[in-house]
Amino acid sequence: SKATVSVLNCLPSTYQTPPSKMMRVSRAVVPAARAQMRYSSSLQVTISGLNYVGTGLSAIALAGVGVGIGNVFGNFLLAAARQPNLMRALFNYAILGFALTEAIGLFALMIAFLMLFA
């Protein structure tokens, strides 16, 4: 019947079962069902809490991007000081290195937001 399906699937039903036809449940089954519901809700809280941990760990990549960009421009200045006549070509390579390093940072930030809000 409709009421039996809703009890088995643990879904609320719009159909009201008359008290004379209600299913009788053993008292031993009820605490086990409550313990299972309690376990699943605490598991859900733990999983949602781990979203914040994963987001924080993926934000560590942003610190690596900052170090990488510092290395790119630091080495550009060092190379430009050694050979000033190649400054135009070195600047193009520095901008390329900056763009690629920044793209990795944007990917890490995108993953962090996906873990946080999805």
PDB file of N, CA and C in Angstrom:
ATOM      1  N   SER A   1       0.845  -1.189   0.000  1.00  0.00           N
ATOM      2  CA  SER A   1       0.000   0.000   0.000  1.00  0.00           C
ATOM      3  C   SER A   1       0.879   1.236   0.000  1.00  0.00           C
ATOM      4  N   LYS A   2       0.269   2.375  -0.136  1.00  0.00           N
ATOM      5  CA  LYS A   2       1.010   3.629  -0.224  1.00  0.00           C
ATOM      6  C   LYS A   2       1.724   3.947   1.088  1.00  0.00           C
ATOM      7  N   ALA A   3       1.085   3.672   2.207  1.00  0.00           N
ATOM      8  CA  ALA A   3       1.691   3.956   3.506  1.00  0.00           C
ATOM      9  C   ALA A   3       2.900   3.059   3.742  1.00  0.00           C
ATOM     10  N   THR A   4       2.853   1.815   3.316  1.00  0.00           N
ATOM     11  CA  THR A   4       3.979   0.901   3.505  1.00  0.00           C
ATOM     12  C   THR A   4       5.190   1.365   2.722  1.00  0.00           C
ATOM     13  N   VAL A   5       4.976   1.829   1.506  1.00  0.00           N
ATOM     14  CA  VAL A   5       6.094   2.308   0.690  1.00  0.00           C
ATOM     15  C   VAL A   5       6.744   3.510   1.336  1.00  0.00           C
ATOM     16  N   SER A   6       5.942   4.429   1.853  1.00  0.00           N
ATOM     17  CA  SER A   6       6.522   5.621   2.465  1.00  0.00           C
ATOM     18  C   SER A   6       7.281   5.273   3.746  1.00  0.00           C
ATOM     19  N   VAL A   7       6.841   4.270   4.489  1.00  0.00           N
ATOM     20  CA  VAL A   7       7.559   3.864   5.696  1.00  0.00           C
ATOM     21  C   VAL A   7       8.884   3.205   5.314  1.00  0.00           C
ATOM     22  N   LEU A   8       8.870   2.374   4.268  1.00  0.00           N
ATOM     23  CA  LEU A   8      10.095   1.695   3.867  1.00  0.00           C
ATOM     24  C   LEU A   8      11.120   2.660   3.290  1.00  0.00           C
ATOM     25  N   ASN A   9      10.677   3.675   2.587  1.00  0.00           N
ATOM     26  CA  ASN A   9      11.598   4.621   1.981  1.00  0.00           C
ATOM     27  C   ASN A   9      11.930   5.797   2.894  1.00  0.00           C
ATOM     28  N   CYS A  10      11.319   5.848   4.068  1.00  0.00           N
ATOM     29  CA  CYS A  10      11.525   6.917   5.041  1.00  0.00           C
ATOM     30  C   CYS A  10      11.164   8.278   4.456  1.00  0.00           C
ATOM     31  N   LEU A  11      10.145   8.316   3.618  1.00  0.00           N
ATOM     32  CA  LEU A  11       9.687   9.567   3.032  1.00  0.00           C
ATOM     33  C   LEU A  11       8.337   9.926   3.627  1.00  0.00           C
ATOM     34  N   PRO A  12       8.090  11.212   3.858  1.00  0.00           N
ATOM     35  CA  PRO A  12       6.760  11.575   4.362  1.00  0.00           C
ATOM     36  C   PRO A  12       5.708  11.334   3.288  1.00  0.00           C
ATOM     37  N   SER A  13       4.554  10.899   3.703  1.00  0.00           N
ATOM     38  CA  SER A  13       3.486  10.589   2.772  1.00  0.00           C
ATOM     39  C   SER A  13       2.327  11.547   3.004  1.00  0.00           C
ATOM     40  N   THR A  14       1.631  11.894   1.920  1.00  0.00           N
ATOM     41  CA  THR A  14       0.454  12.743   2.053  1.00  0.00           C
ATOM     42  C   THR A  14      -0.766  11.923   2.438  1.00  0.00           C
ATOM     43  N   TYR A  15      -0.698  10.629   2.251  1.00  0.00           N
ATOM     44  CA  TYR A  15      -1.806   9.738   2.577  1.00  0.00           C
ATOM     45  C   TYR A  15      -1.784   9.449   4.066  1.00  0.00           C
ATOM     46  N   GLN A  16      -2.888   9.678   4.741  1.00  0.00           N
ATOM     47  CA  GLN A  16      -2.976   9.420   6.173  1.00  0.00           C
ATOM     48  C   GLN A  16      -3.545   8.024   6.401  1.00  0.00           C
ATOM     49  N   THR A  17      -2.807   7.186   7.093  1.00  0.00           N
ATOM     50  CA  THR A  17      -3.262   5.842   7.395  1.00  0.00           C
ATOM     51  C   THR A  17      -4.144   5.883   8.632  1.00  0.00           C
ATOM     52  N   PRO A  18      -5.296   5.254   8.566  1.00  0.00           N
ATOM     53  CA  PRO A  18      -6.146   5.201   9.773  1.00  0.00           C
ATOM     54  C   PRO A  18      -5.423   4.465  10.896  1.00  0.00           C
ATOM     55  N   PRO A  19      -5.661   4.866  12.152  1.00  0.00           N
ATOM     56  CA  PRO A  19      -4.968   4.213  13.271  1.00  0.00           C
ATOM     57  C   PRO A  19      -5.207   2.706  13.342  1.00  0.00           C
ATOM     58  N   SER A  20      -6.341   2.237  12.872  1.00  0.00           N
ATOM     59  CA  SER A  20      -6.613   0.807  12.932  1.00  0.00           C
ATOM     60  C   SER A  20      -5.728   0.016  11.959  1.00  0.00           C
ATOM     61  N   LYS A  21      -5.234   0.642  10.888  1.00  0.00           N
ATOM     62  CA  LYS A  21      -4.436  -0.061   9.893  1.00  0.00           C
ATOM     63  C   LYS A  21      -2.940   0.267   9.982  1.00  0.00           C
ATOM     64  N   MET A  22      -2.524   0.983  11.001  1.00  0.00           N
ATOM     65  CA  MET A  22      -1.103   1.345  11.119  1.00  0.00           C
ATOM     66  C   MET A  22      -0.263   0.104  11.391  1.00  0.00           C
ATOM     67  N   MET A  23       0.925   0.120  10.872  1.00  0.00           N
ATOM     68  CA  MET A  23       1.829  -1.025  11.073  1.00  0.00           C
ATOM     69  C   MET A  23       2.362  -1.000  12.497  1.00  0.00           C
ATOM     70  N   ARG A  24       2.457  -2.149  13.076  1.00  0.00           N
ATOM     71  CA  ARG A  24       3.029  -2.233  14.418  1.00  0.00           C
ATOM     72  C   ARG A  24       4.520  -2.485  14.284  1.00  0.00           C
ATOM     73  N   VAL A  25       5.314  -1.696  14.997  1.00  0.00           N
ATOM     74  CA  VAL A  25       6.767  -1.799  14.930  1.00  0.00           C
ATOM     75  C   VAL A  25       7.268  -2.265  16.285  1.00  0.00           C
ATOM     76  N   SER A  26       8.149  -3.217  16.260  1.00  0.00           N
ATOM     77  CA  SER A  26       8.730  -3.722  17.498  1.00  0.00           C
ATOM     78  C   SER A  26       9.519  -2.613  18.184  1.00  0.00           C
ATOM     79  N   ARG A  27       9.509  -2.607  19.510  1.00  0.00           N
ATOM     80  CA  ARG A  27      10.251  -1.572  20.237  1.00  0.00           C
ATOM     81  C   ARG A  27      11.763  -1.716  20.050  1.00  0.00           C
ATOM     82  N   ALA A  28      12.250  -2.892  19.730  1.00  0.00           N
ATOM     83  CA  ALA A  28      13.689  -3.098  19.531  1.00  0.00           C
ATOM     84  C   ALA A  28      14.165  -2.470  18.223  1.00  0.00           C
ATOM     85  N   VAL A  29      13.282  -2.323  17.256  1.00  0.00           N
ATOM     86  CA  VAL A  29      13.673  -1.764  15.959  1.00  0.00           C
ATOM     87  C   VAL A  29      13.808  -0.248  16.039  1.00  0.00           C
ATOM     88  N   VAL A  30      13.004   0.416  16.863  1.00  0.00           N
ATOM     89  CA  VAL A  30      12.987   1.873  16.918  1.00  0.00           C
ATOM     90  C   VAL A  30      14.331   2.445  17.388  1.00  0.00           C
ATOM     91  N   PRO A  31      14.950   1.963  18.495  1.00  0.00           N
ATOM     92  CA  PRO A  31      16.254   2.527  18.871  1.00  0.00           C
ATOM     93  C   PRO A  31      17.330   2.311  17.813  1.00  0.00           C
ATOM     94  N   ALA A  32      17.288   1.184  17.120  1.00  0.00           N
ATOM     95  CA  ALA A  32      18.278   0.938  16.068  1.00  0.00           C
ATOM     96  C   ALA A  32      18.096   1.936  14.934  1.00  0.00           C
ATOM     97  N   ALA A  33      16.856   2.224  14.572  1.00  0.00           N
ATOM     98  CA  ALA A  33      16.599   3.207  13.511  1.00  0.00           C
ATOM     99  C   ALA A  33      17.038   4.598  13.948  1.00  0.00           C
ATOM    100  N   ARG A  34      16.795   4.931  15.215  1.00  0.00           N
ATOM    101  CA  ARG A  34      17.232   6.247  15.707  1.00  0.00           C
ATOM    102  C   ARG A  34      18.754   6.342  15.727  1.00  0.00           C
ATOM    103  N   ALA A  35      19.432   5.267  16.116  1.00  0.00           N
ATOM    104  CA  ALA A  35      20.894   5.280  16.127  1.00  0.00           C
ATOM    105  C   ALA A  35      21.441   5.432  14.714  1.00  0.00           C
ATOM    106  N   GLN A  36      20.799   4.779  13.749  1.00  0.00           N
ATOM    107  CA  GLN A  36      21.248   4.902  12.364  1.00  0.00           C
ATOM    108  C   GLN A  36      21.023   6.318  11.860  1.00  0.00           C
ATOM    109  N   MET A  37      19.903   6.932  12.207  1.00  0.00           N
ATOM    110  CA  MET A  37      19.649   8.307  11.785  1.00  0.00           C
ATOM    111  C   MET A  37      20.647   9.252  12.434  1.00  0.00           C
ATOM    112  N   ARG A  38      20.961   9.034  13.693  1.00  0.00           N
ATOM    113  CA  ARG A  38      21.924   9.879  14.383  1.00  0.00           C
ATOM    114  C   ARG A  38      23.298   9.743  13.745  1.00  0.00           C
ATOM    115  N   TYR A  39      23.685   8.520  13.381  1.00  0.00           N
ATOM    116  CA  TYR A  39      24.992   8.285  12.770  1.00  0.00           C
ATOM    117  C   TYR A  39      25.073   8.969  11.407  1.00  0.00           C
ATOM    118  N   SER A  40      24.020   8.867  10.606  1.00  0.00           N
ATOM    119  CA  SER A  40      24.065   9.478   9.279  1.00  0.00           C
ATOM    120  C   SER A  40      24.094  10.993   9.371  1.00  0.00           C
ATOM    121  N   SER A  41      23.396  11.596  10.348  1.00  0.00           N
ATOM    122  CA  SER A  41      23.422  13.049  10.456  1.00  0.00           C
ATOM    123  C   SER A  41      24.778  13.528  10.944  1.00  0.00           C
ATOM    124  N   SER A  42      25.431  12.796  11.861  1.00  0.00           N
ATOM    125  CA  SER A  42      26.763  13.211  12.299  1.00  0.00           C
ATOM    126  C   SER A  42      27.778  13.013  11.185  1.00  0.00           C
ATOM    127  N   LEU A  43      27.559  12.000  10.348  1.00  0.00           N
ATOM    128  CA  LEU A  43      28.431  11.801   9.201  1.00  0.00           C
ATOM    129  C   LEU A  43      28.289  12.956   8.222  1.00  0.00           C
ATOM    130  N   GLN A  44      27.081  13.434   8.022  1.00  0.00           N
ATOM    131  CA  GLN A  44      26.847  14.566   7.130  1.00  0.00           C
ATOM    132  C   GLN A  44      27.521  15.820   7.665  1.00  0.00           C
ATOM    133  N   VAL A  45      27.475  16.048   8.962  1.00  0.00           N
ATOM    134  CA  VAL A  45      28.142  17.207   9.558  1.00  0.00           C
ATOM    135  C   VAL A  45      29.643  17.100   9.362  1.00  0.00           C
ATOM    136  N   THR A  46      30.201  15.914   9.520  1.00  0.00           N
ATOM    137  CA  THR A  46      31.639  15.721   9.335  1.00  0.00           C
ATOM    138  C   THR A  46      32.038  15.978   7.893  1.00  0.00           C
ATOM    139  N   ILE A  47      31.263  15.494   6.949  1.00  0.00           N
ATOM    140  CA  ILE A  47      31.602  15.696   5.540  1.00  0.00           C
ATOM    141  C   ILE A  47      31.495  17.164   5.175  1.00  0.00           C
ATOM    142  N   SER A  48      30.492  17.877   5.658  1.00  0.00           N
ATOM    143  CA  SER A  48      30.379  19.290   5.327  1.00  0.00           C
ATOM    144  C   SER A  48      31.493  20.080   6.014  1.00  0.00           C
ATOM    145  N   GLY A  49      31.956  19.644   7.151  1.00  0.00           N
ATOM    146  CA  GLY A  49      33.074  20.308   7.801  1.00  0.00           C
ATOM    147  C   GLY A  49      34.376  20.096   7.053  1.00  0.00           C
ATOM    148  N   LEU A  50      34.500  18.953   6.392  1.00  0.00           N
ATOM    149  CA  LEU A  50      35.712  18.680   5.630  1.00  0.00           C
ATOM    150  C   LEU A  50      35.794  19.520   4.363  1.00  0.00           C
ATOM    151  N   ASN A  51      34.683  20.080   3.905  1.00  0.00           N
ATOM    152  CA  ASN A  51      34.733  21.001   2.769  1.00  0.00           C
ATOM    153  C   ASN A  51      35.616  22.199   3.085  1.00  0.00           C
ATOM    154  N   TYR A  52      35.515  22.698   4.310  1.00  0.00           N
ATOM    155  CA  TYR A  52      36.324  23.846   4.699  1.00  0.00           C
ATOM    156  C   TYR A  52      37.802  23.479   4.801  1.00  0.00           C
ATOM    157  N   VAL A  53      38.082  22.277   5.256  1.00  0.00           N
ATOM    158  CA  VAL A  53      39.474  21.823   5.335  1.00  0.00           C
ATOM    159  C   VAL A  53      40.070  21.698   3.934  1.00  0.00           C
ATOM    160  N   GLY A  54      39.320  21.115   3.014  1.00  0.00           N
ATOM    161  CA  GLY A  54      39.796  20.984   1.640  1.00  0.00           C
ATOM    162  C   GLY A  54      39.998  22.331   0.972  1.00  0.00           C
ATOM    163  N   THR A  55      39.115  23.277   1.246  1.00  0.00           N
ATOM    164  CA  THR A  55      39.259  24.616   0.676  1.00  0.00           C
ATOM    165  C   THR A  55      40.511  25.294   1.215  1.00  0.00           C
ATOM    166  N   GLY A  56      40.773  25.143   2.489  1.00  0.00           N
ATOM    167  CA  GLY A  56      41.990  25.724   3.063  1.00  0.00           C
ATOM    168  C   GLY A  56      43.252  25.097   2.508  1.00  0.00           C
ATOM    169  N   LEU A  57      43.211  23.772   2.312  1.00  0.00           N
ATOM    170  CA  LEU A  57      44.384  23.104   1.748  1.00  0.00           C
ATOM    171  C   LEU A  57      44.627  23.500   0.296  1.00  0.00           C
ATOM    172  N   SER A  58      43.552  23.713  -0.453  1.00  0.00           N
ATOM    173  CA  SER A  58      43.754  24.124  -1.841  1.00  0.00           C
ATOM    174  C   SER A  58      44.205  25.572  -1.919  1.00  0.00           C
ATOM    175  N   ALA A  59      43.953  26.357  -0.893  1.00  0.00           N
ATOM    176  CA  ALA A  59      44.427  27.745  -0.878  1.00  0.00           C
ATOM    177  C   ALA A  59      45.938  27.824  -0.665  1.00  0.00           C
ATOM    178  N   ILE A  60      46.553  26.732  -0.206  1.00  0.00           N
ATOM    179  CA  ILE A  60      48.011  26.705  -0.059  1.00  0.00           C
ATOM    180  C   ILE A  60      48.673  26.881  -1.416  1.00  0.00           C
ATOM    181  N   ALA A  61      48.019  26.411  -2.469  1.00  0.00           N
ATOM    182  CA  ALA A  61      48.568  26.570  -3.825  1.00  0.00           C
ATOM    183  C   ALA A  61      48.715  28.042  -4.183  1.00  0.00           C
ATOM    184  N   LEU A  62      47.876  28.901  -3.630  1.00  0.00           N
ATOM    185  CA  LEU A  62      47.978  30.327  -3.927  1.00  0.00           C
ATOM    186  C   LEU A  62      49.270  30.917  -3.360  1.00  0.00           C
ATOM    187  N   ALA A  63      49.742  30.410  -2.256  1.00  0.00           N
ATOM    188  CA  ALA A  63      51.032  30.861  -1.716  1.00  0.00           C
ATOM    189  C   ALA A  63      52.155  30.425  -2.645  1.00  0.00           C
ATOM    190  N   GLY A  64      52.058  29.234  -3.200  1.00  0.00           N
ATOM    191  CA  GLY A  64      53.058  28.770  -4.160  1.00  0.00           C
ATOM    192  C   GLY A  64      53.073  29.614  -5.420  1.00  0.00           C
ATOM    193  N   VAL A  65      51.903  30.088  -5.836  1.00  0.00           N
ATOM    194  CA  VAL A  65      51.834  30.966  -7.012  1.00  0.00           C
ATOM    195  C   VAL A  65      52.521  32.289  -6.718  1.00  0.00           C
ATOM    196  N   GLY A  66      52.345  32.810  -5.541  1.00  0.00           N
ATOM    197  CA  GLY A  66      53.027  34.053  -5.164  1.00  0.00           C
ATOM    198  C   GLY A  66      54.536  33.890  -5.189  1.00  0.00           C
ATOM    199  N   VAL A  67      55.020  32.768  -4.702  1.00  0.00           N
ATOM    200  CA  VAL A  67      56.462  32.498  -4.739  1.00  0.00           C
ATOM    201  C   VAL A  67      56.938  32.348  -6.186  1.00  0.00           C
ATOM    202  N   GLY A  68      56.132  31.678  -7.010  1.00  0.00           N
ATOM    203  CA  GLY A  68      56.500  31.483  -8.409  1.00  0.00           C
ATOM    204  C   GLY A  68      56.584  32.790  -9.179  1.00  0.00           C
ATOM    205  N   ILE A  69      55.635  33.678  -8.958  1.00  0.00           N
ATOM    206  CA  ILE A  69      55.661  34.979  -9.637  1.00  0.00           C
ATOM    207  C   ILE A  69      56.851  35.795  -9.156  1.00  0.00           C
ATOM    208  N   GLY A  70      57.150  35.709  -7.886  1.00  0.00           N
ATOM    209  CA  GLY A  70      58.344  36.394  -7.362  1.00  0.00           C
ATOM    210  C   GLY A  70      59.614  35.874  -8.010  1.00  0.00           C
ATOM    211  N   ASN A  71      59.690  34.556  -8.199  1.00  0.00           N
ATOM    212  CA  ASN A  71      60.854  33.972  -8.870  1.00  0.00           C
ATOM    213  C   ASN A  71      60.956  34.424 -10.318  1.00  0.00           C
ATOM    214  N   VAL A  72      59.834  34.491 -11.017  1.00  0.00           N
ATOM    215  CA  VAL A  72      59.846  34.897 -12.433  1.00  0.00           C
ATOM    216  C   VAL A  72      60.399  36.308 -12.567  1.00  0.00           C
ATOM    217  N   PHE A  73      59.856  37.245 -11.803  1.00  0.00           N
ATOM    218  CA  PHE A  73      60.300  38.631 -11.948  1.00  0.00           C
ATOM    219  C   PHE A  73      61.663  38.882 -11.317  1.00  0.00           C
ATOM    220  N   GLY A  74      61.989  38.133 -10.273  1.00  0.00           N
ATOM    221  CA  GLY A  74      63.339  38.255  -9.694  1.00  0.00           C
ATOM    222  C   GLY A  74      64.405  37.803 -10.677  1.00  0.00           C
ATOM    223  N   ASN A  75      64.159  36.692 -11.331  1.00  0.00           N
ATOM    224  CA  ASN A  75      65.119  36.209 -12.335  1.00  0.00           C
ATOM    225  C   ASN A  75      65.139  37.101 -13.573  1.00  0.00           C
ATOM    226  N   PHE A  76      63.999  37.711 -13.896  1.00  0.00           N
ATOM    227  CA  PHE A  76      63.990  38.671 -15.007  1.00  0.00           C
ATOM    228  C   PHE A  76      64.890  39.863 -14.698  1.00  0.00           C
ATOM    229  N   LEU A  77      64.794  40.385 -13.488  1.00  0.00           N
ATOM    230  CA  LEU A  77      65.639  41.526 -13.121  1.00  0.00           C
ATOM    231  C   LEU A  77      67.106  41.134 -13.099  1.00  0.00           C
ATOM    232  N   LEU A  78      67.391  39.948 -12.638  1.00  0.00           N
ATOM    233  CA  LEU A  78      68.779  39.476 -12.606  1.00  0.00           C
ATOM    234  C   LEU A  78      69.329  39.335 -14.029  1.00  0.00           C
ATOM    235  N   ALA A  79      68.538  38.754 -14.930  1.00  0.00           N
ATOM    236  CA  ALA A  79      68.986  38.576 -16.310  1.00  0.00           C
ATOM    237  C   ALA A  79      69.098  39.913 -17.030  1.00  0.00           C
ATOM    238  N   ALA A  80      68.183  40.838 -16.748  1.00  0.00           N
ATOM    239  CA  ALA A  80      68.243  42.156 -17.380  1.00  0.00           C
ATOM    240  C   ALA A  80      69.456  42.940 -16.889  1.00  0.00           C
ATOM    241  N   ALA A  81      69.841  42.741 -15.644  1.00  0.00           N
ATOM    242  CA  ALA A  81      71.032  43.421 -15.125  1.00  0.00           C
ATOM    243  C   ALA A  81      72.297  42.841 -15.750  1.00  0.00           C
ATOM    244  N   ARG A  82      72.310  41.564 -16.076  1.00  0.00           N
ATOM    245  CA  ARG A  82      73.490  40.948 -16.688  1.00  0.00           C
ATOM    246  C   ARG A  82      73.616  41.294 -18.169  1.00  0.00           C
ATOM    247  N   GLN A  83      72.476  41.302 -18.879  1.00  0.00           N
ATOM    248  CA  GLN A  83      72.507  41.613 -20.320  1.00  0.00           C
ATOM    249  C   GLN A  83      71.379  42.587 -20.653  1.00  0.00           C
ATOM    250  N   PRO A  84      71.651  43.874 -20.489  1.00  0.00           N
ATOM    251  CA  PRO A  84      70.596  44.880 -20.733  1.00  0.00           C
ATOM    252  C   PRO A  84      70.125  44.929 -22.189  1.00  0.00           C
ATOM    253  N   ASN A  85      70.949  44.495 -23.147  1.00  0.00           N
ATOM    254  CA  ASN A  85      70.546  44.545 -24.551  1.00  0.00           C
ATOM    255  C   ASN A  85      69.450  43.518 -24.880  1.00  0.00           C
ATOM    256  N   LEU A  86      69.241  42.494 -24.066  1.00  0.00           N
ATOM    257  CA  LEU A  86      68.190  41.493 -24.283  1.00  0.00           C
ATOM    258  C   LEU A  86      66.933  41.771 -23.450  1.00  0.00           C
ATOM    259  N   MET A  87      66.831  42.993 -22.954  1.00  0.00           N
ATOM    260  CA  MET A  87      65.739  43.294 -22.021  1.00  0.00           C
ATOM    261  C   MET A  87      64.360  43.119 -22.669  1.00  0.00           C
ATOM    262  N   ARG A  88      64.198  43.487 -23.938  1.00  0.00           N
ATOM    263  CA  ARG A  88      62.907  43.383 -24.616  1.00  0.00           C
ATOM    264  C   ARG A  88      62.467  41.916 -24.720  1.00  0.00           C
ATOM    265  N   ALA A  89      63.342  41.027 -25.141  1.00  0.00           N
ATOM    266  CA  ALA A  89      63.003  39.604 -25.264  1.00  0.00           C
ATOM    267  C   ALA A  89      62.790  38.975 -23.886  1.00  0.00           C
ATOM    268  N   LEU A  90      63.614  39.358 -22.914  1.00  0.00           N
ATOM    269  CA  LEU A  90      63.459  38.807 -21.562  1.00  0.00           C
ATOM    270  C   LEU A  90      62.137  39.239 -20.931  1.00  0.00           C
ATOM    271  N   PHE A  91      61.720  40.484 -21.238  1.00  0.00           N
ATOM    272  CA  PHE A  91      60.456  40.957 -20.685  1.00  0.00           C
ATOM    273  C   PHE A  91      59.281  40.133 -21.236  1.00  0.00           C
ATOM    274  N   ASN A  92      59.335  39.803 -22.528  1.00  0.00           N
ATOM    275  CA  ASN A  92      58.284  38.968 -23.113  1.00  0.00           C
ATOM    276  C   ASN A  92      58.228  37.594 -22.445  1.00  0.00           C
ATOM    277  N   TYR A  93      59.398  37.015 -22.185  1.00  0.00           N
ATOM    278  CA  TYR A  93      59.431  35.721 -21.494  1.00  0.00           C
ATOM    279  C   TYR A  93      58.938  35.844 -20.049  1.00  0.00           C
ATOM    280  N   ALA A  94      59.254  36.971 -19.415  1.00  0.00           N
ATOM    281  CA  ALA A  94      58.796  37.178 -18.039  1.00  0.00           C
ATOM    282  C   ALA A  94      57.274  37.293 -17.986  1.00  0.00           C
ATOM    283  N   ILE A  95      56.691  37.991 -18.936  1.00  0.00           N
ATOM    284  CA  ILE A  95      55.232  38.123 -18.967  1.00  0.00           C
ATOM    285  C   ILE A  95      54.577  36.767 -19.249  1.00  0.00           C
ATOM    286  N   LEU A  96      55.178  35.975 -20.142  1.00  0.00           N
ATOM    287  CA  LEU A  96      54.662  34.636 -20.414  1.00  0.00           C
ATOM    288  C   LEU A  96      54.719  33.768 -19.156  1.00  0.00           C
ATOM    289  N   GLY A  97      55.839  33.813 -18.454  1.00  0.00           N
ATOM    290  CA  GLY A  97      55.970  33.053 -17.204  1.00  0.00           C
ATOM    291  C   GLY A  97      54.982  33.514 -16.148  1.00  0.00           C
ATOM    292  N   PHE A  98      54.768  34.834 -16.082  1.00  0.00           N
ATOM    293  CA  PHE A  98      53.792  35.380 -15.134  1.00  0.00           C
ATOM    294  C   PHE A  98      52.389  34.876 -15.463  1.00  0.00           C
ATOM    295  N   ALA A  99      52.021  34.901 -16.748  1.00  0.00           N
ATOM    296  CA  ALA A  99      50.673  34.487 -17.152  1.00  0.00           C
ATOM    297  C   ALA A  99      50.435  33.003 -16.852  1.00  0.00           C
ATOM    298  N   LEU A 100      51.427  32.173 -17.144  1.00  0.00           N
ATOM    299  CA  LEU A 100      51.261  30.739 -16.887  1.00  0.00           C
ATOM    300  C   LEU A 100      51.182  30.443 -15.390  1.00  0.00           C
ATOM    301  N   THR A 101      51.994  31.141 -14.607  1.00  0.00           N
ATOM    302  CA  THR A 101      51.974  30.937 -13.159  1.00  0.00           C
ATOM    303  C   THR A 101      50.662  31.432 -12.567  1.00  0.00           C
ATOM    304  N   GLU A 102      50.178  32.564 -13.053  1.00  0.00           N
ATOM    305  CA  GLU A 102      48.912  33.101 -12.561  1.00  0.00           C
ATOM    306  C   GLU A 102      47.744  32.204 -12.964  1.00  0.00           C
ATOM    307  N   ALA A 103      47.816  31.561 -14.124  1.00  0.00           N
ATOM    308  CA  ALA A 103      46.749  30.645 -14.543  1.00  0.00           C
ATOM    309  C   ALA A 103      46.648  29.467 -13.587  1.00  0.00           C
ATOM    310  N   ILE A 104      47.779  28.966 -13.124  1.00  0.00           N
ATOM    311  CA  ILE A 104      47.755  27.872 -12.144  1.00  0.00           C
ATOM    312  C   ILE A 104      47.089  28.342 -10.857  1.00  0.00           C
ATOM    313  N   GLY A 105      47.364  29.570 -10.460  1.00  0.00           N
ATOM    314  CA  GLY A 105      46.720  30.129  -9.274  1.00  0.00           C
ATOM    315  C   GLY A 105      45.222  30.267  -9.442  1.00  0.00           C
ATOM    316  N   LEU A 106      44.790  30.678 -10.631  1.00  0.00           N
ATOM    317  CA  LEU A 106      43.349  30.794 -10.871  1.00  0.00           C
ATOM    318  C   LEU A 106      42.672  29.426 -10.880  1.00  0.00           C
ATOM    319  N   PHE A 107      43.366  28.417 -11.403  1.00  0.00           N
ATOM    320  CA  PHE A 107      42.809  27.059 -11.356  1.00  0.00           C
ATOM    321  C   PHE A 107      42.665  26.588  -9.909  1.00  0.00           C
ATOM    322  N   ALA A 108      43.660  26.857  -9.088  1.00  0.00           N
ATOM    323  CA  ALA A 108      43.595  26.461  -7.668  1.00  0.00           C
ATOM    324  C   ALA A 108      42.464  27.189  -6.952  1.00  0.00           C
ATOM    325  N   LEU A 109      42.288  28.468  -7.273  1.00  0.00           N
ATOM    326  CA  LEU A 109      41.210  29.231  -6.658  1.00  0.00           C
ATOM    327  C   LEU A 109      39.846  28.711  -7.110  1.00  0.00           C
ATOM    328  N   MET A 110      39.739  28.331  -8.367  1.00  0.00           N
ATOM    329  CA  MET A 110      38.490  27.778  -8.888  1.00  0.00           C
ATOM    330  C   MET A 110      38.158  26.455  -8.177  1.00  0.00           C
ATOM    331  N   ILE A 111      39.158  25.611  -7.986  1.00  0.00           N
ATOM    332  CA  ILE A 111      38.932  24.343  -7.279  1.00  0.00           C
ATOM    333  C   ILE A 111      38.512  24.608  -5.842  1.00  0.00           C
ATOM    334  N   ALA A 112      39.125  25.609  -5.197  1.00  0.00           N
ATOM    335  CA  ALA A 112      38.754  25.936  -3.823  1.00  0.00           C
ATOM    336  C   ALA A 112      37.306  26.376  -3.737  1.00  0.00           C
ATOM    337  N   PHE A 113      36.863  27.219  -4.665  1.00  0.00           N
ATOM    338  CA  PHE A 113      35.480  27.661  -4.647  1.00  0.00           C
ATOM    339  C   PHE A 113      34.524  26.535  -4.997  1.00  0.00           C
ATOM    340  N   LEU A 114      34.931  25.634  -5.873  1.00  0.00           N
ATOM    341  CA  LEU A 114      34.080  24.486  -6.184  1.00  0.00           C
ATOM    342  C   LEU A 114      33.894  23.591  -4.953  1.00  0.00           C
ATOM    343  N   MET A 115      34.964  23.391  -4.211  1.00  0.00           N
ATOM    344  CA  MET A 115      34.834  22.568  -2.994  1.00  0.00           C
ATOM    345  C   MET A 115      33.997  23.261  -1.941  1.00  0.00           C
ATOM    346  N   LEU A 116      34.060  24.574  -1.896  1.00  0.00           N
ATOM    347  CA  LEU A 116      33.342  25.304  -0.860  1.00  0.00           C
ATOM    348  C   LEU A 116      31.853  25.422  -1.163  1.00  0.00           C
ATOM    349  N   PHE A 117      31.500  25.710  -2.413  1.00  0.00           N
ATOM    350  CA  PHE A 117      30.117  26.023  -2.718  1.00  0.00           C
ATOM    351  C   PHE A 117      29.377  24.933  -3.505  1.00  0.00           C
ATOM    352  N   ALA A 118      30.048  23.893  -3.946  1.00  0.00           N
ATOM    353  CA  ALA A 118      29.342  22.852  -4.720  1.00  0.00           C
ATOM    354  C   ALA A 118      28.995  21.655  -3.858  1.00  0.00           C
TER     355      ALA A 118
END
